[in-house]
Amino acid sequence: MEVSMAANFLAGSILVVLGLLVVIAGAVMVNNLFAKYWKPVKIAAFYTSPSVITTPMQTTQLAEDKIKSTSKTK
């Protein structure tokens, strides 16, 4: 491989990578704009039940109950 061919290959590789970075950055920008201003379209919306644990206090109470139940079995 001659030096000029190697230099052209290196320059081409660098330009391809920079081009891909620009395309990826553009895709991220467009995605962020759509996510900010576009309302999601719901084709089939299913009912989802609310979470069992809704507050940190309930989480703490469940953890304490779990600890009490495991200490009783020992």
Protein backbone atom coordinates (compact mmCIF):
# COMPACT_ATOMS: atom_id res chain seq x y z
CA MET A 1 0.00 0.00 0.00
CA GLU A 2 1.41 3.35 -0.96
CA VAL A 3 1.52 6.29 1.40
CA SER A 4 -1.04 8.27 -0.58
CA MET A 5 -3.49 5.35 -0.50
CA ALA A 6 -2.97 4.96 3.24
CA ALA A 7 -3.51 8.69 3.77
CA ASN A 8 -6.69 8.60 1.71
CA PHE A 9 -7.94 5.58 3.66
CA LEU A 10 -7.22 7.31 6.99
CA ALA A 11 -8.91 10.54 5.89
CA GLY A 12 -11.90 8.62 4.54
CA SER A 13 -12.24 6.63 7.75
CA ILE A 14 -12.13 9.78 9.85
CA LEU A 15 -14.72 11.49 7.64
CA VAL A 16 -17.05 8.47 7.77
CA VAL A 17 -16.88 8.38 11.56
CA LEU A 18 -17.51 12.13 11.80
CA GLY A 19 -20.45 11.76 9.42
CA LEU A 20 -21.93 9.00 11.54
CA LEU A 21 -21.53 11.15 14.65
CA VAL A 22 -23.38 14.02 12.97
CA VAL A 23 -26.20 11.69 11.88
CA ILE A 24 -26.50 10.23 15.39
CA ALA A 25 -26.49 13.70 16.98
CA GLY A 26 -29.22 14.80 14.56
CA ALA A 27 -31.31 11.74 15.36
CA VAL A 28 -30.97 12.42 19.09
CA MET A 29 -32.00 16.06 18.61
CA VAL A 30 -35.05 15.13 16.54
CA ASN A 31 -35.99 12.44 19.06
CA ASN A 32 -35.77 14.93 21.92
CA LEU A 33 -37.94 17.43 20.05
CA PHE A 34 -40.57 14.79 19.31
CA ALA A 35 -40.51 13.55 22.90
CA LYS A 36 -40.99 17.07 24.23
CA TYR A 37 -43.80 18.28 21.98
CA TRP A 38 -45.44 15.15 20.54
CA LYS A 39 -48.22 13.48 22.46
CA PRO A 40 -48.00 9.69 22.27
CA VAL A 41 -50.61 7.99 20.15
CA LYS A 42 -52.41 5.19 21.97
CA ILE A 43 -53.82 2.65 19.54
CA ALA A 44 -54.82 0.11 22.15
CA ALA A 45 -54.87 1.44 25.70
CA PHE A 46 -55.24 -1.22 28.35
CA TYR A 47 -56.27 -0.52 31.91
CA THR A 48 -53.36 -0.85 34.28
CA SER A 49 -54.05 -1.19 37.97
CA PRO A 50 -52.27 1.22 40.28
CA SER A 51 -49.25 0.07 42.16
CA VAL A 52 -49.78 -1.69 45.46
CA ILE A 53 -47.17 0.47 47.13
CA THR A 54 -47.87 4.15 46.63
CA THR A 55 -46.00 5.89 49.43
CA PRO A 56 -42.61 5.49 51.09
CA MET A 57 -44.42 4.90 54.39
CA GLN A 58 -46.14 1.82 52.95
CA THR A 59 -42.79 0.59 51.68
CA THR A 60 -41.29 0.96 55.15
CA GLN A 61 -44.25 -0.80 56.75
CA LEU A 62 -44.00 -3.72 54.33
CA ALA A 63 -40.27 -4.03 55.02
CA GLU A 64 -40.85 -4.03 58.77
CA ASP A 65 -43.57 -6.67 58.41
CA LYS A 66 -41.24 -8.82 56.32
CA ILE A 67 -38.50 -8.53 58.96
CA LYS A 68 -40.95 -9.44 61.74
CA SER A 69 -42.27 -12.45 59.83
CA THR A 70 -38.78 -13.79 59.09
CA SER A 71 -37.63 -13.31 62.70
CA LYS A 72 -40.65 -15.27 63.99
CA THR A 73 -39.80 -18.28 61.84
CA LYS A 74 -36.28 -18.63 63.26
